[in-house]
Amino acid sequence: VKGRLENGSDITSETPYTLHIAPTDDTICSVDNLTIKALKSGSTAITASIDGLRTVDTLTADTINVSVEDNIYSFTLSDSSIELQQGATKTVTATVIKNGKAISSPVVTWSSDDETIATVNNNGLISALKQGSTVIRANYTDDDGEAHTAQITLIVSIKNVYTIALDPTNIILHKDDTKVLNAVVEKNGVAITSPSISWTSSAGTIVSVQNGTIKALKTGKVTIT
């Protein structure tokens, strides 16, 4: 904002006049050193006046109408739901938009409703600890002091553990003998019914194997896998 004399020159500290600029409602905006600062949403007028006028001087007053709009924020996360296996990690990112423009490196605080199931650090890195479900929350406080919250539903599944065991583990056969091997496959300690198994012999000319049945063909030693 500038004050200007009728002759076109600006009012400065060297001019023998004093320029006063003030808003009608100073809760909406303020004026300091000819700079307007928006304080809250609303409308007001800014009026200029001059001290030091001579009686022969005339004053042309000017008024500026100022409208202040609320900042518009949006706060979103890169994921709305996640499923992780126990022991896995994943980083979630937060995006803050202010008046249509993304804020660089917003300060976001993270938390987990159940830290025995999963934790999250200050960078949004989630660590899955044990089977279960929890909610990961992100919080952001904008420049106007308003809090924004976003959340993710997290499901942690156990890491499947498979085992396979053969019975017997050592066999002696004579030529042309056959033997049916028994393979037990377990998933997380529970036996799987009718598992699909592939069999191989380290030397098929000595002992052949098909669907778990081995046959001795000639003298030698092999490994059945």
C-alpha atoms as a PDB file:
ATOM      1  CA  VAL A   1       0.000   0.000   0.000  1.00  0.00           C
ATOM      2  CA  LYS A   2       1.352   3.454  -0.905  1.00  0.00           C
ATOM      3  CA  GLY A   3       0.313   7.036  -0.187  1.00  0.00           C
ATOM      4  CA  ARG A   4       0.654   9.463  -3.065  1.00  0.00           C
ATOM      5  CA  LEU A   5       0.357  13.244  -3.307  1.00  0.00           C
ATOM      6  CA  GLU A   6      -1.790  14.873  -5.946  1.00  0.00           C
ATOM      7  CA  ASN A   7       1.348  15.825  -7.880  1.00  0.00           C
ATOM      8  CA  GLY A   8       2.093  12.122  -8.310  1.00  0.00           C
ATOM      9  CA  SER A   9       4.962  11.819  -5.793  1.00  0.00           C
ATOM     10  CA  ASP A  10       4.901   9.116  -3.110  1.00  0.00           C
ATOM     11  CA  ILE A  11       4.643  10.020   0.551  1.00  0.00           C
ATOM     12  CA  THR A  12       7.886   9.006   2.260  1.00  0.00           C
ATOM     13  CA  SER A  13       9.617   9.657   5.568  1.00  0.00           C
ATOM     14  CA  GLU A  14      11.080  12.804   4.016  1.00  0.00           C
ATOM     15  CA  THR A  15       7.674  14.185   2.988  1.00  0.00           C
ATOM     16  CA  PRO A  16       6.240  16.796   5.442  1.00  0.00           C
ATOM     17  CA  TYR A  17       3.084  14.750   5.772  1.00  0.00           C
ATOM     18  CA  THR A  18       2.190  11.710   7.861  1.00  0.00           C
ATOM     19  CA  LEU A  19       0.237   8.905   6.191  1.00  0.00           C
ATOM     20  CA  HIS A  20      -2.112   6.816   8.333  1.00  0.00           C
ATOM     21  CA  ILE A  21      -3.525   3.577   6.962  1.00  0.00           C
ATOM     22  CA  ALA A  22      -5.851   1.489   9.106  1.00  0.00           C
ATOM     23  CA  PRO A  23      -8.464  -1.212   8.566  1.00  0.00           C
ATOM     24  CA  THR A  24     -12.018  -0.757   9.751  1.00  0.00           C
ATOM     25  CA  ASP A  25     -11.826  -4.181  11.417  1.00  0.00           C
ATOM     26  CA  ASP A  26      -8.321  -4.923  12.647  1.00  0.00           C
ATOM     27  CA  THR A  27      -9.268  -8.492  13.581  1.00  0.00           C
ATOM     28  CA  ILE A  28      -9.534  -9.358   9.880  1.00  0.00           C
ATOM     29  CA  CYS A  29      -6.303  -7.761   8.729  1.00  0.00           C
ATOM     30  CA  SER A  30      -3.580  -5.466   9.986  1.00  0.00           C
ATOM     31  CA  VAL A  31      -1.418  -2.841   8.290  1.00  0.00           C
ATOM     32  CA  ASP A  32       2.172  -2.376   9.375  1.00  0.00           C
ATOM     33  CA  ASN A  33       4.707  -0.263   7.491  1.00  0.00           C
ATOM     34  CA  LEU A  34       2.332  -0.160   4.494  1.00  0.00           C
ATOM     35  CA  THR A  35       2.094  -3.972   4.446  1.00  0.00           C
ATOM     36  CA  ILE A  36      -1.279  -5.697   4.801  1.00  0.00           C
ATOM     37  CA  LYS A  37      -1.428  -8.982   6.707  1.00  0.00           C
ATOM     38  CA  ALA A  38      -4.492 -11.248   6.592  1.00  0.00           C
ATOM     39  CA  LEU A  39      -5.532 -12.475  10.059  1.00  0.00           C
ATOM     40  CA  LYS A  40      -8.831 -14.299   9.619  1.00  0.00           C
ATOM     41  CA  SER A  41     -11.620 -14.737   7.096  1.00  0.00           C
ATOM     42  CA  GLY A  42     -13.973 -11.834   6.518  1.00  0.00           C
ATOM     43  CA  SER A  43     -14.223  -8.474   4.770  1.00  0.00           C
ATOM     44  CA  THR A  44     -13.128  -5.021   5.829  1.00  0.00           C
ATOM     45  CA  ALA A  45     -12.093  -1.655   4.403  1.00  0.00           C
ATOM     46  CA  ILE A  46      -8.692  -0.017   4.677  1.00  0.00           C
ATOM     47  CA  THR A  47      -8.763   3.789   4.745  1.00  0.00           C
ATOM     48  CA  ALA A  48      -5.889   6.243   4.332  1.00  0.00           C
ATOM     49  CA  SER A  49      -5.601   9.629   6.025  1.00  0.00           C
ATOM     50  CA  ILE A  50      -2.887  12.289   6.107  1.00  0.00           C
ATOM     51  CA  ASP A  51      -1.648  14.509   8.940  1.00  0.00           C
ATOM     52  CA  GLY A  52       0.207  17.816   8.312  1.00  0.00           C
ATOM     53  CA  LEU A  53      -2.017  19.207   5.575  1.00  0.00           C
ATOM     54  CA  ARG A  54      -2.031  22.989   5.186  1.00  0.00           C
ATOM     55  CA  THR A  55      -5.290  24.882   4.988  1.00  0.00           C
ATOM     56  CA  VAL A  56      -4.766  25.384   1.270  1.00  0.00           C
ATOM     57  CA  ASP A  57      -4.261  21.645   0.736  1.00  0.00           C
ATOM     58  CA  THR A  58      -7.032  19.336  -0.274  1.00  0.00           C
ATOM     59  CA  LEU A  59      -7.276  15.622   0.579  1.00  0.00           C
ATOM     60  CA  THR A  60      -8.438  12.925  -1.749  1.00  0.00           C
ATOM     61  CA  ALA A  61      -9.112   9.914   0.465  1.00  0.00           C
ATOM     62  CA  ASP A  62      -8.873   6.381  -0.839  1.00  0.00           C
ATOM     63  CA  THR A  63     -10.358   3.178   0.471  1.00  0.00           C
ATOM     64  CA  ILE A  64      -9.444  -0.431  -0.277  1.00  0.00           C
ATOM     65  CA  ASN A  65     -11.910  -3.228   0.302  1.00  0.00           C
ATOM     66  CA  VAL A  66     -10.166  -6.362   1.520  1.00  0.00           C
ATOM     67  CA  SER A  67     -11.633  -9.873   1.594  1.00  0.00           C
ATOM     68  CA  VAL A  68      -9.797 -12.625   3.465  1.00  0.00           C
ATOM     69  CA  GLU A  69     -10.646 -16.247   2.702  1.00  0.00           C
ATOM     70  CA  ASP A  70      -9.946 -19.282   4.862  1.00  0.00           C
ATOM     71  CA  ASN A  71      -7.025 -21.503   3.877  1.00  0.00           C
ATOM     72  CA  ILE A  72      -8.198 -24.770   2.348  1.00  0.00           C
ATOM     73  CA  TYR A  73      -6.263 -27.874   3.369  1.00  0.00           C
ATOM     74  CA  SER A  74      -6.439 -31.511   2.366  1.00  0.00           C
ATOM     75  CA  PHE A  75      -4.554 -34.278   4.195  1.00  0.00           C
ATOM     76  CA  THR A  76      -4.277 -37.729   2.637  1.00  0.00           C
ATOM     77  CA  LEU A  77      -2.178 -40.880   2.969  1.00  0.00           C
ATOM     78  CA  SER A  78      -0.738 -43.032   0.199  1.00  0.00           C
ATOM     79  CA  ASP A  79      -2.705 -46.087   1.451  1.00  0.00           C
ATOM     80  CA  SER A  80      -6.071 -46.592   3.103  1.00  0.00           C
ATOM     81  CA  SER A  81      -5.531 -50.235   4.086  1.00  0.00           C
ATOM     82  CA  ILE A  82      -2.487 -52.502   4.182  1.00  0.00           C
ATOM     83  CA  GLU A  83      -1.853 -56.191   4.771  1.00  0.00           C
ATOM     84  CA  LEU A  84       1.654 -57.184   5.849  1.00  0.00           C
ATOM     85  CA  GLN A  85       3.215 -60.442   6.868  1.00  0.00           C
ATOM     86  CA  GLN A  86       4.764 -60.672  10.288  1.00  0.00           C
ATOM     87  CA  GLY A  87       8.257 -59.171  10.183  1.00  0.00           C
ATOM     88  CA  ALA A  88       7.611 -57.064   7.068  1.00  0.00           C
ATOM     89  CA  THR A  89       7.878 -53.269   6.806  1.00  0.00           C
ATOM     90  CA  LYS A  90       6.264 -50.606   4.629  1.00  0.00           C
ATOM     91  CA  THR A  91       6.570 -46.824   4.400  1.00  0.00           C
ATOM     92  CA  VAL A  92       3.401 -44.739   4.109  1.00  0.00           C
ATOM     93  CA  THR A  93       3.581 -41.167   2.814  1.00  0.00           C
ATOM     94  CA  ALA A  94       1.405 -38.224   3.836  1.00  0.00           C
ATOM     95  CA  THR A  95       0.409 -35.424   1.451  1.00  0.00           C
ATOM     96  CA  VAL A  96      -0.739 -31.983   2.606  1.00  0.00           C
ATOM     97  CA  ILE A  97      -2.316 -29.593   0.094  1.00  0.00           C
ATOM     98  CA  LYS A  98      -2.788 -25.922   1.058  1.00  0.00           C
ATOM     99  CA  ASN A  99      -4.887 -23.809  -1.287  1.00  0.00           C
ATOM    100  CA  GLY A 100      -4.152 -26.200  -4.151  1.00  0.00           C
ATOM    101  CA  LYS A 101      -0.393 -26.412  -3.591  1.00  0.00           C
ATOM    102  CA  ALA A 102       1.483 -29.278  -1.950  1.00  0.00           C
ATOM    103  CA  ILE A 103       3.425 -28.436   1.204  1.00  0.00           C
ATOM    104  CA  SER A 104       7.011 -29.652   1.114  1.00  0.00           C
ATOM    105  CA  SER A 105       8.052 -31.874   4.055  1.00  0.00           C
ATOM    106  CA  PRO A 106       4.978 -31.355   6.267  1.00  0.00           C
ATOM    107  CA  VAL A 107       5.429 -32.160   9.959  1.00  0.00           C
ATOM    108  CA  VAL A 108       3.282 -35.237  10.577  1.00  0.00           C
ATOM    109  CA  THR A 109       3.000 -37.261  13.790  1.00  0.00           C
ATOM    110  CA  TRP A 110       2.317 -40.989  13.518  1.00  0.00           C
ATOM    111  CA  SER A 111       0.878 -43.497  15.975  1.00  0.00           C
ATOM    112  CA  SER A 112      -0.351 -47.087  16.168  1.00  0.00           C
ATOM    113  CA  ASP A 113      -3.424 -48.041  18.162  1.00  0.00           C
ATOM    114  CA  ASP A 114      -1.726 -51.315  19.171  1.00  0.00           C
ATOM    115  CA  GLU A 115       2.064 -51.229  19.198  1.00  0.00           C
ATOM    116  CA  THR A 116       2.251 -54.925  20.072  1.00  0.00           C
ATOM    117  CA  ILE A 117       0.916 -55.674  16.579  1.00  0.00           C
ATOM    118  CA  ALA A 118       2.686 -52.937  14.600  1.00  0.00           C
ATOM    119  CA  THR A 119       4.749 -49.820  15.228  1.00  0.00           C
ATOM    120  CA  VAL A 120       5.274 -46.742  13.072  1.00  0.00           C
ATOM    121  CA  ASN A 121       8.139 -44.253  13.258  1.00  0.00           C
ATOM    122  CA  ASN A 122       8.272 -40.513  12.551  1.00  0.00           C
ATOM    123  CA  ASN A 123       8.871 -41.160   8.846  1.00  0.00           C
ATOM    124  CA  GLY A 124       5.754 -43.320   8.397  1.00  0.00           C
ATOM    125  CA  LEU A 125       7.690 -46.623   8.390  1.00  0.00           C
ATOM    126  CA  ILE A 126       5.386 -49.396   9.615  1.00  0.00           C
ATOM    127  CA  SER A 127       6.863 -52.549  11.162  1.00  0.00           C
ATOM    128  CA  ALA A 128       4.578 -55.595  11.457  1.00  0.00           C
ATOM    129  CA  LEU A 129       5.290 -57.420  14.735  1.00  0.00           C
ATOM    130  CA  LYS A 130       2.661 -60.098  15.227  1.00  0.00           C
ATOM    131  CA  GLN A 131      -0.606 -61.408  13.833  1.00  0.00           C
ATOM    132  CA  GLY A 132      -3.628 -59.155  14.324  1.00  0.00           C
ATOM    133  CA  SER A 133      -5.086 -55.859  13.166  1.00  0.00           C
ATOM    134  CA  THR A 134      -4.587 -52.270  14.243  1.00  0.00           C
ATOM    135  CA  VAL A 135      -5.065 -48.717  13.010  1.00  0.00           C
ATOM    136  CA  ILE A 136      -2.155 -46.499  11.982  1.00  0.00           C
ATOM    137  CA  ARG A 137      -2.965 -42.810  12.497  1.00  0.00           C
ATOM    138  CA  ALA A 138      -1.339 -39.679  11.061  1.00  0.00           C
ATOM    139  CA  ASN A 139      -1.921 -36.186  12.460  1.00  0.00           C
ATOM    140  CA  TYR A 140      -1.109 -32.787  10.986  1.00  0.00           C
ATOM    141  CA  THR A 141      -1.739 -29.330  12.475  1.00  0.00           C
ATOM    142  CA  ASP A 142      -2.056 -26.585   9.852  1.00  0.00           C
ATOM    143  CA  ASP A 143      -0.876 -22.981  10.024  1.00  0.00           C
ATOM    144  CA  ASP A 144      -4.289 -21.940  11.351  1.00  0.00           C
ATOM    145  CA  GLY A 145      -3.989 -24.345  14.286  1.00  0.00           C
ATOM    146  CA  GLU A 146      -6.560 -26.794  12.954  1.00  0.00           C
ATOM    147  CA  ALA A 147      -5.811 -30.506  13.355  1.00  0.00           C
ATOM    148  CA  HIS A 148      -6.197 -32.976  10.483  1.00  0.00           C
ATOM    149  CA  THR A 149      -6.246 -36.757  10.926  1.00  0.00           C
ATOM    150  CA  ALA A 150      -5.983 -39.650   8.478  1.00  0.00           C
ATOM    151  CA  GLN A 151      -5.778 -43.355   9.212  1.00  0.00           C
ATOM    152  CA  ILE A 152      -4.902 -46.741   7.744  1.00  0.00           C
ATOM    153  CA  THR A 153      -6.363 -50.111   8.661  1.00  0.00           C
ATOM    154  CA  LEU A 154      -3.475 -52.581   9.003  1.00  0.00           C
ATOM    155  CA  ILE A 155      -3.763 -56.363   9.054  1.00  0.00           C
ATOM    156  CA  VAL A 156      -0.733 -58.398  10.042  1.00  0.00           C
ATOM    157  CA  SER A 157      -0.748 -62.038   8.982  1.00  0.00           C
ATOM    158  CA  ILE A 158       1.634 -64.665  10.284  1.00  0.00           C
ATOM    159  CA  LYS A 159       4.498 -65.774   8.085  1.00  0.00           C
ATOM    160  CA  ASN A 160       3.606 -69.235   6.854  1.00  0.00           C
ATOM    161  CA  VAL A 161       6.111 -71.929   7.826  1.00  0.00           C
ATOM    162  CA  TYR A 162       6.202 -75.139   5.797  1.00  0.00           C
ATOM    163  CA  THR A 163       8.009 -78.379   6.689  1.00  0.00           C
ATOM    164  CA  ILE A 164       8.351 -81.643   4.795  1.00  0.00           C
ATOM    165  CA  ALA A 165       9.600 -84.892   6.290  1.00  0.00           C
ATOM    166  CA  LEU A 166      10.173 -88.326   4.709  1.00  0.00           C
ATOM    167  CA  ASP A 167       9.656 -91.675   6.395  1.00  0.00           C
ATOM    168  CA  PRO A 168      11.889 -93.635   6.385  1.00  0.00           C
ATOM    169  CA  THR A 169      15.030 -91.562   5.916  1.00  0.00           C
ATOM    170  CA  ASN A 170      17.479 -94.423   5.199  1.00  0.00           C
ATOM    171  CA  ILE A 171      16.647 -97.517   3.108  1.00  0.00           C
ATOM    172  CA  ILE A 172      18.549-100.573   1.903  1.00  0.00           C
ATOM    173  CA  LEU A 173      17.064-102.297  -1.130  1.00  0.00           C
ATOM    174  CA  HIS A 174      18.002-105.211  -3.319  1.00  0.00           C
ATOM    175  CA  LYS A 175      17.789-105.105  -7.080  1.00  0.00           C
ATOM    176  CA  ASP A 176      14.188-104.910  -8.308  1.00  0.00           C
ATOM    177  CA  ASP A 177      12.882-104.137  -4.795  1.00  0.00           C
ATOM    178  CA  THR A 178      10.299-101.352  -4.486  1.00  0.00           C
ATOM    179  CA  LYS A 179       9.360 -99.160  -1.575  1.00  0.00           C
ATOM    180  CA  VAL A 180       6.670 -96.512  -1.044  1.00  0.00           C
ATOM    181  CA  LEU A 181       7.931 -93.424   0.717  1.00  0.00           C
ATOM    182  CA  ASN A 182       5.671 -91.388   2.983  1.00  0.00           C
ATOM    183  CA  ALA A 183       6.036 -87.595   2.839  1.00  0.00           C
ATOM    184  CA  VAL A 184       4.426 -85.474   5.564  1.00  0.00           C
ATOM    185  CA  VAL A 185       3.922 -81.787   4.718  1.00  0.00           C
ATOM    186  CA  GLU A 186       2.936 -79.358   7.459  1.00  0.00           C
ATOM    187  CA  LYS A 187       1.873 -75.703   7.248  1.00  0.00           C
ATOM    188  CA  ASN A 188       2.319 -73.797  10.492  1.00  0.00           C
ATOM    189  CA  GLY A 189       2.443 -77.116  12.361  1.00  0.00           C
ATOM    190  CA  VAL A 190      -0.723 -78.546  10.758  1.00  0.00           C
ATOM    191  CA  ALA A 191      -0.492 -81.465   8.309  1.00  0.00           C
ATOM    192  CA  ILE A 192      -1.695 -80.793   4.756  1.00  0.00           C
ATOM    193  CA  THR A 193      -4.006 -83.422   3.304  1.00  0.00           C
ATOM    194  CA  SER A 194      -2.956 -84.853  -0.088  1.00  0.00           C
ATOM    195  CA  PRO A 195      -0.147 -82.394  -0.793  1.00  0.00           C
ATOM    196  CA  SER A 196       1.209 -82.123  -4.335  1.00  0.00           C
ATOM    197  CA  ILE A 197       4.819 -83.381  -4.188  1.00  0.00           C
ATOM    198  CA  SER A 198       7.524 -83.613  -6.832  1.00  0.00           C
ATOM    199  CA  TRP A 199      10.083 -86.422  -6.489  1.00  0.00           C
ATOM    200  CA  THR A 200      13.598 -86.712  -7.907  1.00  0.00           C
ATOM    201  CA  SER A 201      16.411 -89.248  -7.757  1.00  0.00           C
ATOM    202  CA  SER A 202      20.061 -88.190  -7.812  1.00  0.00           C
ATOM    203  CA  ALA A 203      20.814 -91.205 -10.041  1.00  0.00           C
ATOM    204  CA  GLY A 204      17.810 -92.471 -11.915  1.00  0.00           C
ATOM    205  CA  THR A 205      19.763 -95.403 -13.426  1.00  0.00           C
ATOM    206  CA  ILE A 206      20.356 -96.809  -9.920  1.00  0.00           C
ATOM    207  CA  VAL A 207      17.026 -96.066  -8.243  1.00  0.00           C
ATOM    208  CA  SER A 208      13.969 -94.638  -9.967  1.00  0.00           C
ATOM    209  CA  VAL A 209      11.164 -92.773  -8.204  1.00  0.00           C
ATOM    210  CA  GLN A 210       7.607 -92.092  -9.336  1.00  0.00           C
ATOM    211  CA  ASN A 211       4.827 -90.661  -7.163  1.00  0.00           C
ATOM    212  CA  GLY A 212       6.821 -91.591  -4.056  1.00  0.00           C
ATOM    213  CA  THR A 213       7.471 -95.215  -5.096  1.00  0.00           C
ATOM    214  CA  ILE A 214      11.158 -96.085  -5.506  1.00  0.00           C
ATOM    215  CA  LYS A 215      12.585 -99.043  -7.385  1.00  0.00           C
ATOM    216  CA  ALA A 216      16.117-100.437  -7.124  1.00  0.00           C
ATOM    217  CA  LEU A 217      17.611-100.940 -10.609  1.00  0.00           C
ATOM    218  CA  LYS A 218      21.259-101.747  -9.905  1.00  0.00           C
ATOM    219  CA  THR A 219      23.912-101.542  -7.188  1.00  0.00           C
ATOM    220  CA  GLY A 220      24.722 -98.063  -5.984  1.00  0.00           C
ATOM    221  CA  LYS A 221      23.784 -95.241  -3.642  1.00  0.00           C
ATOM    222  CA  VAL A 222      21.348 -92.402  -4.382  1.00  0.00           C
ATOM    223  CA  THR A 223      19.519 -89.556  -2.690  1.00  0.00           C
ATOM    224  CA  ILE A 224      15.773 -89.264  -3.106  1.00  0.00           C
ATOM    225  CA  THR A 225      14.469 -85.713  -2.802  1.00  0.00           C
END
